[in-house]
């Protein structure tokens, strides 16, 4: 049977949500969606959106871009850990002055 979660309530005060209600709902929804980068970036991006007069869609795109970027970078790290390589090497560590095999010519 699928697991169910309780969604945030729609409680309002005179038709408007308070900042603490919105923050609590955002935290709940980000945990439910397993989107921690979105939660971390939401406040900073909201402030920037206010200053630069972004539309709601532009703000949403910026938030989702941040989450996708975080998932892509962390996903690579997880795949490297899962591969259990003995050491992680980068192209910058390649020593081209000391070839380890016969010359290709």
PDB file of N, CA and C in Angstrom:
ATOM      1  N   UNK A   1       0.849  -1.173   0.000  1.00  0.00           N
ATOM      2  CA  UNK A   1       0.000   0.000   0.000  1.00  0.00           C
ATOM      3  C   UNK A   1       0.895   1.237   0.000  1.00  0.00           C
ATOM      4  N   UNK A   2       0.619   2.240  -0.844  1.00  0.00           N
ATOM      5  CA  UNK A   2       1.460   3.429  -0.892  1.00  0.00           C
ATOM      6  C   UNK A   2       1.394   4.225   0.404  1.00  0.00           C
ATOM      7  N   UNK A   3       2.514   4.823   0.705  1.00  0.00           N
ATOM      8  CA  UNK A   3       2.607   5.640   1.909  1.00  0.00           C
ATOM      9  C   UNK A   3       1.949   6.982   1.639  1.00  0.00           C
ATOM     10  N   UNK A   4       1.185   7.481   2.594  1.00  0.00           N
ATOM     11  CA  UNK A   4       0.535   8.775   2.424  1.00  0.00           C
ATOM     12  C   UNK A   4       1.168   9.774   3.367  1.00  0.00           C
ATOM     13  N   UNK A   5       1.147  11.016   2.962  1.00  0.00           N
ATOM     14  CA  UNK A   5       1.639  12.091   3.804  1.00  0.00           C
ATOM     15  C   UNK A   5       0.531  13.102   3.991  1.00  0.00           C
ATOM     16  N   UNK A   6       0.632  13.835   5.042  1.00  0.00           N
ATOM     17  CA  UNK A   6      -0.353  14.860   5.312  1.00  0.00           C
ATOM     18  C   UNK A   6       0.131  16.167   4.735  1.00  0.00           C
ATOM     19  N   UNK A   7      -0.621  16.729   3.839  1.00  0.00           N
ATOM     20  CA  UNK A   7      -0.254  17.996   3.218  1.00  0.00           C
ATOM     21  C   UNK A   7      -0.476  19.133   4.200  1.00  0.00           C
ATOM     22  N   UNK A   8       0.225  20.231   4.008  1.00  0.00           N
ATOM     23  CA  UNK A   8       0.020  21.394   4.866  1.00  0.00           C
ATOM     24  C   UNK A   8      -1.423  21.871   4.785  1.00  0.00           C
ATOM     25  N   UNK A   9      -1.877  22.446   5.861  1.00  0.00           N
ATOM     26  CA  UNK A   9      -3.255  22.924   5.896  1.00  0.00           C
ATOM     27  C   UNK A   9      -3.390  24.236   5.146  1.00  0.00           C
ATOM     28  N   UNK A  10      -4.574  24.545   4.776  1.00  0.00           N
ATOM     29  CA  UNK A  10      -4.863  25.777   4.055  1.00  0.00           C
ATOM     30  C   UNK A  10      -5.351  26.854   5.017  1.00  0.00           C
ATOM     31  N   UNK A  11      -4.804  26.913   6.215  1.00  0.00           N
ATOM     32  CA  UNK A  11      -5.253  27.906   7.183  1.00  0.00           C
ATOM     33  C   UNK A  11      -4.774  29.291   6.758  1.00  0.00           C
ATOM     34  N   UNK A  12      -5.682  30.230   6.853  1.00  0.00           N
ATOM     35  CA  UNK A  12      -5.355  31.594   6.461  1.00  0.00           C
ATOM     36  C   UNK A  12      -5.877  32.558   7.506  1.00  0.00           C
ATOM     37  N   UNK A  13      -5.318  33.731   7.495  1.00  0.00           N
ATOM     38  CA  UNK A  13      -5.780  34.794   8.365  1.00  0.00           C
ATOM     39  C   UNK A  13      -6.289  35.905   7.461  1.00  0.00           C
ATOM     40  N   UNK A  14      -7.580  36.103   7.449  1.00  0.00           N
ATOM     41  CA  UNK A  14      -8.214  37.113   6.598  1.00  0.00           C
ATOM     42  C   UNK A  14      -7.835  36.903   5.140  1.00  0.00           C
ATOM     43  N   UNK A  15      -7.733  35.638   4.715  1.00  0.00           N
ATOM     44  CA  UNK A  15      -7.441  35.343   3.322  1.00  0.00           C
ATOM     45  C   UNK A  15      -5.968  35.342   2.964  1.00  0.00           C
ATOM     46  N   UNK A  16      -5.075  35.722   3.867  1.00  0.00           N
ATOM     47  CA  UNK A  16      -3.636  35.758   3.582  1.00  0.00           C
ATOM     48  C   UNK A  16      -2.915  34.788   4.494  1.00  0.00           C
ATOM     49  N   UNK A  17      -1.895  34.154   3.953  1.00  0.00           N
ATOM     50  CA  UNK A  17      -1.067  33.243   4.748  1.00  0.00           C
ATOM     51  C   UNK A  17       0.005  34.057   5.454  1.00  0.00           C
ATOM     52  N   UNK A  18       0.389  33.614   6.616  1.00  0.00           N
ATOM     53  CA  UNK A  18       1.475  34.297   7.308  1.00  0.00           C
ATOM     54  C   UNK A  18       2.806  33.777   6.784  1.00  0.00           C
ATOM     55  N   UNK A  19       3.848  34.525   7.030  1.00  0.00           N
ATOM     56  CA  UNK A  19       5.174  34.106   6.586  1.00  0.00           C
ATOM     57  C   UNK A  19       5.602  32.797   7.210  1.00  0.00           C
ATOM     58  N   UNK A  20       5.259  32.592   8.469  1.00  0.00           N
ATOM     59  CA  UNK A  20       5.653  31.344   9.134  1.00  0.00           C
ATOM     60  C   UNK A  20       4.883  30.151   8.574  1.00  0.00           C
ATOM     61  N   UNK A  21       3.614  30.359   8.187  1.00  0.00           N
ATOM     62  CA  UNK A  21       2.848  29.277   7.567  1.00  0.00           C
ATOM     63  C   UNK A  21       3.466  28.900   6.225  1.00  0.00           C
ATOM     64  N   UNK A  22       3.817  29.897   5.456  1.00  0.00           N
ATOM     65  CA  UNK A  22       4.410  29.649   4.143  1.00  0.00           C
ATOM     66  C   UNK A  22       5.756  28.951   4.296  1.00  0.00           C
ATOM     67  N   UNK A  23       6.576  29.407   5.231  1.00  0.00           N
ATOM     68  CA  UNK A  23       7.885  28.796   5.456  1.00  0.00           C
ATOM     69  C   UNK A  23       7.745  27.343   5.903  1.00  0.00           C
ATOM     70  N   UNK A  24       6.790  27.077   6.778  1.00  0.00           N
ATOM     71  CA  UNK A  24       6.569  25.704   7.250  1.00  0.00           C
ATOM     72  C   UNK A  24       6.090  24.813   6.107  1.00  0.00           C
ATOM     73  N   UNK A  25       5.185  25.335   5.289  1.00  0.00           N
ATOM     74  CA  UNK A  25       4.697  24.555   4.152  1.00  0.00           C
ATOM     75  C   UNK A  25       5.804  24.299   3.140  1.00  0.00           C
ATOM     76  N   UNK A  26       6.636  25.297   2.884  1.00  0.00           N
ATOM     77  CA  UNK A  26       7.748  25.130   1.949  1.00  0.00           C
ATOM     78  C   UNK A  26       8.715  24.062   2.462  1.00  0.00           C
ATOM     79  N   UNK A  27       9.023  24.095   3.740  1.00  0.00           N
ATOM     80  CA  UNK A  27       9.918  23.088   4.322  1.00  0.00           C
ATOM     81  C   UNK A  27       9.311  21.691   4.191  1.00  0.00           C
ATOM     82  N   UNK A  28       8.028  21.554   4.500  1.00  0.00           N
ATOM     83  CA  UNK A  28       7.355  20.260   4.390  1.00  0.00           C
ATOM     84  C   UNK A  28       7.382  19.744   2.957  1.00  0.00           C
ATOM     85  N   UNK A  29       7.015  20.612   2.011  1.00  0.00           N
ATOM     86  CA  UNK A  29       6.929  20.187   0.619  1.00  0.00           C
ATOM     87  C   UNK A  29       8.292  19.850   0.037  1.00  0.00           C
ATOM     88  N   UNK A  30       9.325  20.590   0.418  1.00  0.00           N
ATOM     89  CA  UNK A  30      10.676  20.280  -0.068  1.00  0.00           C
ATOM     90  C   UNK A  30      11.157  18.943   0.480  1.00  0.00           C
ATOM     91  N   UNK A  31      10.832  18.645   1.736  1.00  0.00           N
ATOM     92  CA  UNK A  31      11.186  17.330   2.289  1.00  0.00           C
ATOM     93  C   UNK A  31      10.415  16.230   1.581  1.00  0.00           C
ATOM     94  N   UNK A  32       9.134  16.453   1.338  1.00  0.00           N
ATOM     95  CA  UNK A  32       8.300  15.439   0.673  1.00  0.00           C
ATOM     96  C   UNK A  32       8.800  15.177  -0.745  1.00  0.00           C
ATOM     97  N   UNK A  33       9.284  16.217  -1.412  1.00  0.00           N
ATOM     98  CA  UNK A  33       9.778  16.062  -2.782  1.00  0.00           C
ATOM     99  C   UNK A  33      11.261  15.698  -2.819  1.00  0.00           C
ATOM    100  N   UNK A  34      11.883  15.627  -1.658  1.00  0.00           N
ATOM    101  CA  UNK A  34      13.320  15.346  -1.552  1.00  0.00           C
ATOM    102  C   UNK A  34      14.105  16.352  -2.402  1.00  0.00           C
ATOM    103  N   UNK A  35      13.862  17.634  -2.110  1.00  0.00           N
ATOM    104  CA  UNK A  35      14.485  18.735  -2.845  1.00  0.00           C
ATOM    105  C   UNK A  35      15.136  19.711  -1.867  1.00  0.00           C
ATOM    106  N   UNK A  36      16.216  19.290  -1.188  1.00  0.00           N
ATOM    107  CA  UNK A  36      16.825  20.168  -0.188  1.00  0.00           C
ATOM    108  C   UNK A  36      17.452  21.427  -0.777  1.00  0.00           C
ATOM    109  N   UNK A  37      17.974  21.368  -1.983  1.00  0.00           N
ATOM    110  CA  UNK A  37      18.585  22.549  -2.587  1.00  0.00           C
ATOM    111  C   UNK A  37      17.536  23.622  -2.856  1.00  0.00           C
ATOM    112  N   UNK A  38      16.336  23.201  -3.181  1.00  0.00           N
ATOM    113  CA  UNK A  38      15.246  24.141  -3.408  1.00  0.00           C
ATOM    114  C   UNK A  38      14.938  24.896  -2.122  1.00  0.00           C
ATOM    115  N   UNK A  39      14.887  24.191  -1.017  1.00  0.00           N
ATOM    116  CA  UNK A  39      14.621  24.831   0.270  1.00  0.00           C
ATOM    117  C   UNK A  39      15.731  25.817   0.626  1.00  0.00           C
ATOM    118  N   UNK A  40      16.982  25.432   0.381  1.00  0.00           N
ATOM    119  CA  UNK A  40      18.107  26.313   0.693  1.00  0.00           C
ATOM    120  C   UNK A  40      18.098  27.586  -0.151  1.00  0.00           C
ATOM    121  N   UNK A  41      17.687  27.474  -1.409  1.00  0.00           N
ATOM    122  CA  UNK A  41      17.762  28.605  -2.327  1.00  0.00           C
ATOM    123  C   UNK A  41      16.507  29.475  -2.340  1.00  0.00           C
ATOM    124  N   UNK A  42      15.403  28.981  -1.849  1.00  0.00           N
ATOM    125  CA  UNK A  42      14.115  29.671  -2.002  1.00  0.00           C
ATOM    126  C   UNK A  42      14.127  31.079  -1.417  1.00  0.00           C
ATOM    127  N   UNK A  43      14.634  31.255  -0.212  1.00  0.00           N
ATOM    128  CA  UNK A  43      14.626  32.579   0.412  1.00  0.00           C
ATOM    129  C   UNK A  43      15.515  33.567  -0.335  1.00  0.00           C
ATOM    130  N   UNK A  44      16.720  33.116  -0.696  1.00  0.00           N
ATOM    131  CA  UNK A  44      17.633  34.008  -1.427  1.00  0.00           C
ATOM    132  C   UNK A  44      17.041  34.391  -2.771  1.00  0.00           C
ATOM    133  N   UNK A  45      16.486  33.413  -3.469  1.00  0.00           N
ATOM    134  CA  UNK A  45      15.897  33.695  -4.770  1.00  0.00           C
ATOM    135  C   UNK A  45      14.645  34.557  -4.647  1.00  0.00           C
ATOM    136  N   UNK A  46      13.876  34.395  -3.584  1.00  0.00           N
ATOM    137  CA  UNK A  46      12.679  35.218  -3.380  1.00  0.00           C
ATOM    138  C   UNK A  46      13.072  36.680  -3.191  1.00  0.00           C
ATOM    139  N   UNK A  47      14.106  36.916  -2.410  1.00  0.00           N
ATOM    140  CA  UNK A  47      14.578  38.292  -2.198  1.00  0.00           C
ATOM    141  C   UNK A  47      15.056  38.901  -3.513  1.00  0.00           C
ATOM    142  N   UNK A  48      15.815  38.130  -4.284  1.00  0.00           N
ATOM    143  CA  UNK A  48      16.295  38.612  -5.576  1.00  0.00           C
ATOM    144  C   UNK A  48      15.123  38.870  -6.531  1.00  0.00           C
ATOM    145  N   UNK A  49      14.130  37.989  -6.492  1.00  0.00           N
ATOM    146  CA  UNK A  49      12.958  38.146  -7.355  1.00  0.00           C
ATOM    147  C   UNK A  49      12.204  39.431  -7.020  1.00  0.00           C
ATOM    148  N   UNK A  50      12.099  39.751  -5.729  1.00  0.00           N
ATOM    149  CA  UNK A  50      11.431  40.992  -5.334  1.00  0.00           C
ATOM    150  C   UNK A  50      12.197  42.207  -5.847  1.00  0.00           C
ATOM    151  N   UNK A  51      13.527  42.185  -5.673  1.00  0.00           N
ATOM    152  CA  UNK A  51      14.356  43.326  -6.094  1.00  0.00           C
ATOM    153  C   UNK A  51      14.326  43.528  -7.601  1.00  0.00           C
ATOM    154  N   UNK A  52      14.313  42.428  -8.354  1.00  0.00           N
ATOM    155  CA  UNK A  52      14.381  42.502  -9.808  1.00  0.00           C
ATOM    156  C   UNK A  52      13.015  42.367 -10.485  1.00  0.00           C
ATOM    157  N   UNK A  53      11.951  42.343  -9.691  1.00  0.00           N
ATOM    158  CA  UNK A  53      10.572  42.267 -10.197  1.00  0.00           C
ATOM    159  C   UNK A  53      10.352  41.082 -11.142  1.00  0.00           C
ATOM    160  N   UNK A  54      10.759  39.897 -10.702  1.00  0.00           N
ATOM    161  CA  UNK A  54      10.546  38.690 -11.488  1.00  0.00           C
ATOM    162  C   UNK A  54       9.067  38.327 -11.463  1.00  0.00           C
ATOM    163  N   UNK A  55       8.646  37.618 -12.496  1.00  0.00           N
ATOM    164  CA  UNK A  55       7.300  37.044 -12.483  1.00  0.00           C
ATOM    165  C   UNK A  55       7.351  35.765 -11.635  1.00  0.00           C
ATOM    166  N   UNK A  56       6.170  35.242 -11.324  1.00  0.00           N
ATOM    167  CA  UNK A  56       6.126  33.987 -10.569  1.00  0.00           C
ATOM    168  C   UNK A  56       6.804  32.867 -11.343  1.00  0.00           C
ATOM    169  N   UNK A  57       6.596  32.853 -12.644  1.00  0.00           N
ATOM    170  CA  UNK A  57       7.192  31.802 -13.474  1.00  0.00           C
ATOM    171  C   UNK A  57       8.717  31.910 -13.474  1.00  0.00           C
ATOM    172  N   UNK A  58       9.250  33.126 -13.552  1.00  0.00           N
ATOM    173  CA  UNK A  58      10.709  33.304 -13.529  1.00  0.00           C
ATOM    174  C   UNK A  58      11.299  32.839 -12.198  1.00  0.00           C
ATOM    175  N   UNK A  59      10.602  33.132 -11.112  1.00  0.00           N
ATOM    176  CA  UNK A  59      11.048  32.675  -9.793  1.00  0.00           C
ATOM    177  C   UNK A  59      11.030  31.147  -9.717  1.00  0.00           C
ATOM    178  N   UNK A  60       9.972  30.536 -10.204  1.00  0.00           N
ATOM    179  CA  UNK A  60       9.868  29.078 -10.189  1.00  0.00           C
ATOM    180  C   UNK A  60      10.976  28.451 -11.025  1.00  0.00           C
ATOM    181  N   UNK A  61      11.246  29.012 -12.188  1.00  0.00           N
ATOM    182  CA  UNK A  61      12.315  28.491 -13.047  1.00  0.00           C
ATOM    183  C   UNK A  61      13.658  28.575 -12.324  1.00  0.00           C
ATOM    184  N   UNK A  62      13.943  29.693 -11.672  1.00  0.00           N
ATOM    185  CA  UNK A  62      15.208  29.850 -10.953  1.00  0.00           C
ATOM    186  C   UNK A  62      15.331  28.820  -9.831  1.00  0.00           C
ATOM    187  N   UNK A  63      14.250  28.595  -9.097  1.00  0.00           N
ATOM    188  CA  UNK A  63      14.272  27.603  -8.010  1.00  0.00           C
ATOM    189  C   UNK A  63      14.513  26.198  -8.560  1.00  0.00           C
ATOM    190  N   UNK A  64      13.820  25.851  -9.613  1.00  0.00           N
ATOM    191  CA  UNK A  64      13.971  24.520 -10.185  1.00  0.00           C
ATOM    192  C   UNK A  64      15.340  24.331 -10.832  1.00  0.00           C
ATOM    193  N   UNK A  65      15.888  25.389 -11.428  1.00  0.00           N
ATOM    194  CA  UNK A  65      17.244  25.299 -11.980  1.00  0.00           C
ATOM    195  C   UNK A  65      18.239  24.994 -10.877  1.00  0.00           C
ATOM    196  N   UNK A  66      18.086  25.611  -9.727  1.00  0.00           N
ATOM    197  CA  UNK A  66      18.984  25.373  -8.597  1.00  0.00           C
ATOM    198  C   UNK A  66      18.904  23.928  -8.144  1.00  0.00           C
ATOM    199  N   UNK A  67      17.714  23.377  -8.063  1.00  0.00           N
ATOM    200  CA  UNK A  67      17.548  21.985  -7.635  1.00  0.00           C
ATOM    201  C   UNK A  67      18.133  21.026  -8.665  1.00  0.00           C
ATOM    202  N   UNK A  68      17.887  21.267  -9.939  1.00  0.00           N
ATOM    203  CA  UNK A  68      18.426  20.398 -10.992  1.00  0.00           C
ATOM    204  C   UNK A  68      19.950  20.433 -10.971  1.00  0.00           C
ATOM    205  N   UNK A  69      20.513  21.616 -10.826  1.00  0.00           N
ATOM    206  CA  UNK A  69      21.972  21.751 -10.769  1.00  0.00           C
ATOM    207  C   UNK A  69      22.552  20.965  -9.592  1.00  0.00           C
ATOM    208  N   UNK A  70      21.919  21.072  -8.444  1.00  0.00           N
ATOM    209  CA  UNK A  70      22.390  20.342  -7.261  1.00  0.00           C
ATOM    210  C   UNK A  70      22.276  18.837  -7.468  1.00  0.00           C
ATOM    211  N   UNK A  71      21.191  18.395  -8.058  1.00  0.00           N
ATOM    212  CA  UNK A  71      21.019  16.954  -8.296  1.00  0.00           C
ATOM    213  C   UNK A  71      22.041  16.425  -9.283  1.00  0.00           C
ATOM    214  N   UNK A  72      22.337  17.211 -10.322  1.00  0.00           N
ATOM    215  CA  UNK A  72      23.330  16.763 -11.303  1.00  0.00           C
ATOM    216  C   UNK A  72      24.713  16.645 -10.671  1.00  0.00           C
ATOM    217  N   UNK A  73      25.093  17.605  -9.868  1.00  0.00           N
ATOM    218  CA  UNK A  73      26.429  17.549  -9.264  1.00  0.00           C
ATOM    219  C   UNK A  73      26.513  16.456  -8.205  1.00  0.00           C
ATOM    220  N   UNK A  74      25.478  16.303  -7.389  1.00  0.00           N
ATOM    221  CA  UNK A  74      25.509  15.264  -6.358  1.00  0.00           C
ATOM    222  C   UNK A  74      25.307  13.877  -6.952  1.00  0.00           C
ATOM    223  N   UNK A  75      24.585  13.802  -8.051  1.00  0.00           N
ATOM    224  CA  UNK A  75      24.360  12.508  -8.700  1.00  0.00           C
ATOM    225  C   UNK A  75      25.655  11.908  -9.196  1.00  0.00           C
ATOM    226  N   UNK A  76      26.525  12.740  -9.744  1.00  0.00           N
ATOM    227  CA  UNK A  76      27.829  12.268 -10.205  1.00  0.00           C
ATOM    228  C   UNK A  76      28.670  11.745  -9.056  1.00  0.00           C
ATOM    229  N   UNK A  77      28.636  12.460  -7.946  1.00  0.00           N
ATOM    230  CA  UNK A  77      29.383  12.022  -6.765  1.00  0.00           C
ATOM    231  C   UNK A  77      28.867  10.674  -6.265  1.00  0.00           C
ATOM    232  N   UNK A  78      27.576  10.503  -6.255  1.00  0.00           N
ATOM    233  CA  UNK A  78      26.983   9.241  -5.791  1.00  0.00           C
ATOM    234  C   UNK A  78      27.369   8.090  -6.707  1.00  0.00           C
ATOM    235  N   UNK A  79      27.393   8.338  -8.022  1.00  0.00           N
ATOM    236  CA  UNK A  79      27.767   7.273  -8.957  1.00  0.00           C
ATOM    237  C   UNK A  79      29.235   6.887  -8.794  1.00  0.00           C
ATOM    238  N   UNK A  80      30.095   7.855  -8.534  1.00  0.00           N
ATOM    239  CA  UNK A  80      31.516   7.560  -8.313  1.00  0.00           C
ATOM    240  C   UNK A  80      31.674   6.733  -7.037  1.00  0.00           C
ATOM    241  N   UNK A  81      30.962   7.111  -5.968  1.00  0.00           N
ATOM    242  CA  UNK A  81      31.024   6.330  -4.718  1.00  0.00           C
ATOM    243  C   UNK A  81      30.505   4.919  -4.937  1.00  0.00           C
ATOM    244  N   UNK A  82      29.399   4.790  -5.684  1.00  0.00           N
ATOM    245  CA  UNK A  82      28.807   3.475  -5.932  1.00  0.00           C
ATOM    246  C   UNK A  82      29.739   2.593  -6.757  1.00  0.00           C
ATOM    247  N   UNK A  83      30.570   3.201  -7.615  1.00  0.00           N
ATOM    248  CA  UNK A  83      31.508   2.433  -8.441  1.00  0.00           C
ATOM    249  C   UNK A  83      32.673   1.900  -7.611  1.00  0.00           C
ATOM    250  N   UNK A  84      32.889   2.467  -6.445  1.00  0.00           N
ATOM    251  CA  UNK A  84      33.955   2.042  -5.512  1.00  0.00           C
ATOM    252  C   UNK A  84      35.340   2.054  -6.158  1.00  0.00           C
ATOM    253  N   UNK A  85      35.631   3.132  -6.873  1.00  0.00           N
ATOM    254  CA  UNK A  85      36.971   3.285  -7.433  1.00  0.00           C
ATOM    255  C   UNK A  85      37.977   3.422  -6.304  1.00  0.00           C
ATOM    256  N   UNK A  86      39.212   2.905  -6.466  1.00  0.00           N
ATOM    257  CA  UNK A  86      40.197   3.022  -5.395  1.00  0.00           C
ATOM    258  C   UNK A  86      40.623   4.473  -5.161  1.00  0.00           C
ATOM    259  N   UNK A  87      40.619   5.293  -6.195  1.00  0.00           N
ATOM    260  CA  UNK A  87      40.962   6.707  -6.059  1.00  0.00           C
ATOM    261  C   UNK A  87      40.255   7.483  -7.161  1.00  0.00           C
ATOM    262  N   UNK A  88      39.940   8.709  -6.860  1.00  0.00           N
ATOM    263  CA  UNK A  88      39.317   9.568  -7.858  1.00  0.00           C
ATOM    264  C   UNK A  88      40.407  10.428  -8.465  1.00  0.00           C
ATOM    265  N   UNK A  89      40.515  10.386  -9.782  1.00  0.00           N
ATOM    266  CA  UNK A  89      41.542  11.161 -10.468  1.00  0.00           C
ATOM    267  C   UNK A  89      40.872  12.105 -11.445  1.00  0.00           C
ATOM    268  N   UNK A  90      41.504  13.247 -11.637  1.00  0.00           N
ATOM    269  CA  UNK A  90      40.994  14.228 -12.586  1.00  0.00           C
ATOM    270  C   UNK A  90      41.976  14.385 -13.733  1.00  0.00           C
ATOM    271  N   UNK A  91      41.552  15.007 -14.789  1.00  0.00           N
ATOM    272  CA  UNK A  91      42.405  15.208 -15.959  1.00  0.00           C
ATOM    273  C   UNK A  91      43.599  16.104 -15.608  1.00  0.00           C
ATOM    274  N   UNK A  92      43.413  16.994 -14.638  1.00  0.00           N
ATOM    275  CA  UNK A  92      44.505  17.876 -14.223  1.00  0.00           C
ATOM    276  C   UNK A  92      45.654  17.095 -13.591  1.00  0.00           C
ATOM    277  N   UNK A  93      45.371  15.930 -13.042  1.00  0.00           N
ATOM    278  CA  UNK A  93      46.397  15.115 -12.401  1.00  0.00           C
ATOM    279  C   UNK A  93      47.188  14.264 -13.390  1.00  0.00           C
ATOM    280  N   UNK A  94      46.779  14.243 -14.639  1.00  0.00           N
ATOM    281  CA  UNK A  94      47.446  13.439 -15.656  1.00  0.00           C
ATOM    282  C   UNK A  94      48.851  13.967 -15.915  1.00  0.00           C
ATOM    283  N   UNK A  95      49.834  13.075 -15.812  1.00  0.00           N
ATOM    284  CA  UNK A  95      51.233  13.443 -16.050  1.00  0.00           C
ATOM    285  C   UNK A  95      51.606  12.998 -17.461  1.00  0.00           C
ATOM    286  N   UNK A  96      51.596  13.941 -18.402  1.00  0.00           N
ATOM    287  CA  UNK A  96      51.883  13.610 -19.793  1.00  0.00           C
ATOM    288  C   UNK A  96      53.379  13.535 -20.066  1.00  0.00           C
ATOM    289  N   UNK A  97      54.213  13.941 -19.126  1.00  0.00           N
ATOM    290  CA  UNK A  97      55.664  13.896 -19.333  1.00  0.00           C
ATOM    291  C   UNK A  97      56.227  12.515 -19.044  1.00  0.00           C
ATOM    292  N   UNK A  98      55.485  11.666 -18.399  1.00  0.00           N
ATOM    293  CA  UNK A  98      55.966  10.345 -18.036  1.00  0.00           C
ATOM    294  C   UNK A  98      54.981   9.274 -18.502  1.00  0.00           C
ATOM    295  N   UNK A  99      55.026   8.879 -19.793  1.00  0.00           N
ATOM    296  CA  UNK A  99      54.107   7.843 -20.270  1.00  0.00           C
ATOM    297  C   UNK A  99      54.408   6.496 -19.618  1.00  0.00           C
ATOM    298  N   UNK A 100      53.381   5.712 -19.356  1.00  0.00           N
ATOM    299  CA  UNK A 100      53.552   4.441 -18.672  1.00  0.00           C
ATOM    300  C   UNK A 100      53.537   3.246 -19.618  1.00  0.00           C
ATOM    301  N   UNK A 101      53.419   3.473 -20.860  1.00  0.00           N
ATOM    302  CA  UNK A 101      53.391   2.383 -21.820  1.00  0.00           C
ATOM    303  C   UNK A 101      54.313   2.668 -22.987  1.00  0.00           C
ATOM    304  N   UNK A 102      54.338   1.788 -23.955  1.00  0.00           N
ATOM    305  CA  UNK A 102      55.191   2.026 -25.125  1.00  0.00           C
ATOM    306  C   UNK A 102      54.713   3.260 -25.903  1.00  0.00           C
ATOM    307  N   UNK A 103      55.640   3.888 -26.552  1.00  0.00           N
ATOM    308  CA  UNK A 103      55.324   5.082 -27.344  1.00  0.00           C
ATOM    309  C   UNK A 103      54.372   4.691 -28.467  1.00  0.00           C
ATOM    310  N   UNK A 104      53.372   5.548 -28.756  1.00  0.00           N
ATOM    311  CA  UNK A 104      52.378   5.191 -29.761  1.00  0.00           C
ATOM    312  C   UNK A 104      52.895   5.269 -31.184  1.00  0.00           C
ATOM    313  N   UNK A 105      54.085   5.702 -31.431  1.00  0.00           N
ATOM    314  CA  UNK A 105      54.556   5.842 -32.816  1.00  0.00           C
ATOM    315  C   UNK A 105      55.310   4.692 -33.237  1.00  0.00           C
TER     316      UNK A 105
END
